[in-house]
Amino acid sequence: MNKRIKKKRELVSQVQGTKEAVDIVLGIIKNLIDENTKQADEIFELRSTVERNALATNSELKILHDKLKKPKKKSFFNRK
């Protein structure tokens, strides 16, 4: 009977250790998921910022291009 009790205690302690390890791993996984979610939100914000900046730059470059565009010379025969 004594051997059975010792074995049972060993198994109970091993199960408790395993439960603690699982709880630790679950906590780590939860933290990683939260961090991943935050990074996904930051990436979304950065992409929208980059898109707005690209649109603004393109519109400014178009304005400059239109201002710098040289008018074509009329041919000698079409001048009045």
N, C-alpha and C. Protein backbone atom coordinates (compact mmCIF):
# COMPACT_ATOMS: atom_id res chain seq x y z
N MET A 1 0.83 -1.19 0.00
CA MET A 1 0.00 0.00 0.00
C MET A 1 0.87 1.26 0.00
N ASN A 2 1.97 1.22 0.68
CA ASN A 2 2.85 2.36 0.78
C ASN A 2 3.43 2.75 -0.59
N LYS A 3 3.75 1.73 -1.41
CA LYS A 3 4.30 2.01 -2.75
C LYS A 3 3.26 2.72 -3.62
N ARG A 4 2.02 2.28 -3.51
CA ARG A 4 0.95 2.91 -4.29
C ARG A 4 0.78 4.37 -3.90
N ILE A 5 0.82 4.67 -2.64
CA ILE A 5 0.66 6.05 -2.17
C ILE A 5 1.83 6.90 -2.68
N LYS A 6 3.05 6.37 -2.60
CA LYS A 6 4.21 7.13 -3.09
C LYS A 6 4.09 7.40 -4.59
N LYS A 7 3.69 6.35 -5.33
CA LYS A 7 3.54 6.52 -6.77
C LYS A 7 2.46 7.54 -7.10
N LYS A 8 1.37 7.47 -6.34
CA LYS A 8 0.28 8.41 -6.57
C LYS A 8 0.74 9.83 -6.29
N ARG A 9 1.48 10.03 -5.23
CA ARG A 9 2.00 11.38 -4.89
C ARG A 9 2.93 11.88 -5.99
N GLU A 10 3.80 10.98 -6.49
CA GLU A 10 4.71 11.37 -7.57
C GLU A 10 3.91 11.80 -8.81
N LEU A 11 2.91 11.01 -9.15
CA LEU A 11 2.09 11.33 -10.32
C LEU A 11 1.33 12.64 -10.13
N VAL A 12 0.81 12.85 -8.94
CA VAL A 12 0.09 14.09 -8.65
C VAL A 12 1.03 15.28 -8.77
N SER A 13 2.24 15.16 -8.24
CA SER A 13 3.18 16.27 -8.33
C SER A 13 3.60 16.51 -9.78
N GLN A 14 3.75 15.44 -10.55
CA GLN A 14 4.09 15.60 -11.97
C GLN A 14 2.95 16.28 -12.73
N VAL A 15 1.73 15.89 -12.43
CA VAL A 15 0.58 16.51 -13.09
C VAL A 15 0.49 17.99 -12.72
N GLN A 16 0.72 18.31 -11.46
CA GLN A 16 0.69 19.72 -11.04
C GLN A 16 1.78 20.52 -11.74
N GLY A 17 2.98 19.93 -11.86
CA GLY A 17 4.06 20.60 -12.57
C GLY A 17 3.72 20.82 -14.03
N THR A 18 3.07 19.82 -14.62
CA THR A 18 2.67 19.94 -16.02
C THR A 18 1.60 21.02 -16.18
N LYS A 19 0.66 21.07 -15.25
CA LYS A 19 -0.37 22.11 -15.30
C LYS A 19 0.25 23.49 -15.19
N GLU A 20 1.22 23.65 -14.30
CA GLU A 20 1.88 24.95 -14.15
C GLU A 20 2.62 25.32 -15.43
N ALA A 21 3.29 24.34 -16.04
CA ALA A 21 4.01 24.60 -17.28
C ALA A 21 3.04 25.00 -18.39
N VAL A 22 1.91 24.32 -18.45
CA VAL A 22 0.90 24.64 -19.47
C VAL A 22 0.35 26.05 -19.23
N ASP A 23 0.11 26.41 -17.98
CA ASP A 23 -0.38 27.76 -17.68
C ASP A 23 0.64 28.82 -18.09
N ILE A 24 1.90 28.55 -17.85
CA ILE A 24 2.96 29.49 -18.24
C ILE A 24 2.98 29.65 -19.76
N VAL A 25 2.92 28.52 -20.46
CA VAL A 25 2.95 28.56 -21.93
C VAL A 25 1.72 29.28 -22.48
N LEU A 26 0.56 29.03 -21.88
CA LEU A 26 -0.65 29.73 -22.33
C LEU A 26 -0.54 31.24 -22.11
N GLY A 27 0.05 31.63 -21.00
CA GLY A 27 0.27 33.06 -20.75
C GLY A 27 1.19 33.68 -21.78
N ILE A 28 2.25 32.96 -22.12
CA ILE A 28 3.19 33.46 -23.13
C ILE A 28 2.49 33.58 -24.48
N ILE A 29 1.71 32.57 -24.83
CA ILE A 29 0.98 32.60 -26.11
C ILE A 29 0.00 33.77 -26.15
N LYS A 30 -0.70 34.00 -25.04
CA LYS A 30 -1.65 35.12 -24.99
C LYS A 30 -0.92 36.45 -25.18
N ASN A 31 0.23 36.60 -24.52
CA ASN A 31 1.01 37.84 -24.68
C ASN A 31 1.48 38.02 -26.11
N LEU A 32 1.90 36.93 -26.74
CA LEU A 32 2.36 37.01 -28.13
C LEU A 32 1.21 37.38 -29.07
N ILE A 33 0.04 36.83 -28.81
CA ILE A 33 -1.12 37.17 -29.64
C ILE A 33 -1.47 38.65 -29.48
N ASP A 34 -1.44 39.15 -28.24
CA ASP A 34 -1.72 40.57 -28.00
C ASP A 34 -0.70 41.45 -28.71
N GLU A 35 0.57 41.06 -28.62
CA GLU A 35 1.62 41.84 -29.27
C GLU A 35 1.45 41.81 -30.79
N ASN A 36 1.09 40.65 -31.31
CA ASN A 36 0.86 40.51 -32.75
C ASN A 36 -0.29 41.40 -33.21
N THR A 37 -1.35 41.47 -32.41
CA THR A 37 -2.49 42.31 -32.74
C THR A 37 -2.08 43.79 -32.75
N LYS A 38 -1.30 44.20 -31.76
CA LYS A 38 -0.83 45.59 -31.71
C LYS A 38 0.03 45.91 -32.93
N GLN A 39 0.91 44.97 -33.29
CA GLN A 39 1.77 45.20 -34.45
C GLN A 39 0.96 45.26 -35.74
N ALA A 40 -0.08 44.46 -35.83
CA ALA A 40 -0.94 44.50 -37.03
C ALA A 40 -1.64 45.85 -37.13
N ASP A 41 -2.09 46.39 -35.99
CA ASP A 41 -2.72 47.71 -36.00
C ASP A 41 -1.73 48.79 -36.41
N GLU A 42 -0.49 48.70 -35.88
CA GLU A 42 0.54 49.68 -36.24
C GLU A 42 0.86 49.60 -37.73
N ILE A 43 0.95 48.39 -38.26
CA ILE A 43 1.23 48.21 -39.69
C ILE A 43 0.12 48.83 -40.52
N PHE A 44 -1.13 48.62 -40.11
CA PHE A 44 -2.26 49.20 -40.84
C PHE A 44 -2.16 50.72 -40.83
N GLU A 45 -1.86 51.31 -39.67
CA GLU A 45 -1.73 52.77 -39.59
C GLU A 45 -0.58 53.27 -40.46
N LEU A 46 0.55 52.56 -40.43
CA LEU A 46 1.70 52.98 -41.23
C LEU A 46 1.40 52.89 -42.73
N ARG A 47 0.70 51.84 -43.12
CA ARG A 47 0.34 51.72 -44.54
C ARG A 47 -0.58 52.84 -44.98
N SER A 48 -1.53 53.20 -44.14
CA SER A 48 -2.44 54.28 -44.51
C SER A 48 -1.68 55.61 -44.57
N THR A 49 -0.73 55.80 -43.66
CA THR A 49 0.09 57.01 -43.69
C THR A 49 0.92 57.06 -44.96
N VAL A 50 1.52 55.95 -45.33
CA VAL A 50 2.33 55.90 -46.55
C VAL A 50 1.47 56.18 -47.77
N GLU A 51 0.27 55.63 -47.78
CA GLU A 51 -0.63 55.87 -48.91
C GLU A 51 -1.01 57.34 -49.02
N ARG A 52 -1.34 57.96 -47.88
CA ARG A 52 -1.68 59.40 -47.89
C ARG A 52 -0.49 60.23 -48.35
N ASN A 53 0.71 59.88 -47.87
CA ASN A 53 1.91 60.62 -48.27
C ASN A 53 2.17 60.46 -49.76
N ALA A 54 1.98 59.26 -50.28
CA ALA A 54 2.20 59.04 -51.71
C ALA A 54 1.21 59.84 -52.55
N LEU A 55 -0.04 59.86 -52.13
CA LEU A 55 -1.03 60.65 -52.87
C LEU A 55 -0.70 62.14 -52.83
N ALA A 56 -0.29 62.61 -51.66
CA ALA A 56 0.05 64.03 -51.53
C ALA A 56 1.27 64.37 -52.40
N THR A 57 2.27 63.51 -52.37
CA THR A 57 3.47 63.74 -53.17
C THR A 57 3.14 63.71 -54.65
N ASN A 58 2.33 62.75 -55.05
CA ASN A 58 1.97 62.67 -56.47
C ASN A 58 1.20 63.91 -56.92
N SER A 59 0.30 64.40 -56.09
CA SER A 59 -0.45 65.59 -56.49
C SER A 59 0.48 66.80 -56.56
N GLU A 60 1.42 66.93 -55.64
CA GLU A 60 2.37 68.04 -55.69
C GLU A 60 3.25 67.94 -56.92
N LEU A 61 3.71 66.73 -57.23
CA LEU A 61 4.54 66.56 -58.42
C LEU A 61 3.76 66.85 -59.70
N LYS A 62 2.50 66.51 -59.72
CA LYS A 62 1.69 66.81 -60.90
C LYS A 62 1.54 68.31 -61.07
N ILE A 63 1.33 69.04 -59.96
CA ILE A 63 1.23 70.50 -60.03
C ILE A 63 2.52 71.09 -60.56
N LEU A 64 3.66 70.61 -60.02
CA LEU A 64 4.95 71.11 -60.49
C LEU A 64 5.19 70.76 -61.95
N HIS A 65 4.81 69.58 -62.33
CA HIS A 65 4.99 69.16 -63.72
C HIS A 65 4.18 70.04 -64.66
N ASP A 66 2.95 70.35 -64.26
CA ASP A 66 2.11 71.21 -65.09
C ASP A 66 2.66 72.62 -65.17
N LYS A 67 3.23 73.10 -64.08
CA LYS A 67 3.80 74.45 -64.09
C LYS A 67 5.05 74.52 -64.96
N LEU A 68 5.85 73.46 -64.93
CA LEU A 68 7.10 73.48 -65.66
C LEU A 68 6.96 73.05 -67.12
N LYS A 69 5.82 72.57 -67.47
CA LYS A 69 5.60 72.11 -68.83
C LYS A 69 5.76 73.29 -69.79
N LYS A 70 6.61 73.12 -70.76
CA LYS A 70 6.84 74.20 -71.72
C LYS A 70 5.80 74.11 -72.82
N PRO A 71 5.27 75.24 -73.19
CA PRO A 71 4.31 75.20 -74.31
C PRO A 71 5.05 74.86 -75.59
N LYS A 72 4.41 74.08 -76.42
CA LYS A 72 5.03 73.69 -77.68
C LYS A 72 5.02 74.89 -78.62
N LYS A 73 6.09 75.01 -79.36
CA LYS A 73 6.17 76.09 -80.35
C LYS A 73 5.30 75.71 -81.54
N LYS A 74 4.62 76.73 -82.02
CA LYS A 74 3.84 76.50 -83.22
C LYS A 74 4.80 76.46 -84.41
N SER A 75 4.41 75.72 -85.36
CA SER A 75 5.28 75.64 -86.54
C SER A 75 5.32 77.01 -87.23
N PHE A 76 6.32 77.23 -88.01
CA PHE A 76 6.52 78.51 -88.67
C PHE A 76 5.33 78.87 -89.56
N PHE A 77 4.72 77.88 -90.18
CA PHE A 77 3.64 78.13 -91.12
C PHE A 77 2.31 78.39 -90.44
N ASN A 78 2.16 77.98 -89.19
CA ASN A 78 0.90 78.16 -88.49
C ASN A 78 0.88 79.43 -87.63
N ARG A 79 1.98 80.16 -87.62
CA ARG A 79 2.02 81.37 -86.81
C ARG A 79 1.20 82.45 -87.48
N LYS A 80 0.60 83.29 -86.68
CA LYS A 80 -0.21 84.38 -87.23
C LYS A 80 0.32 85.70 -86.78
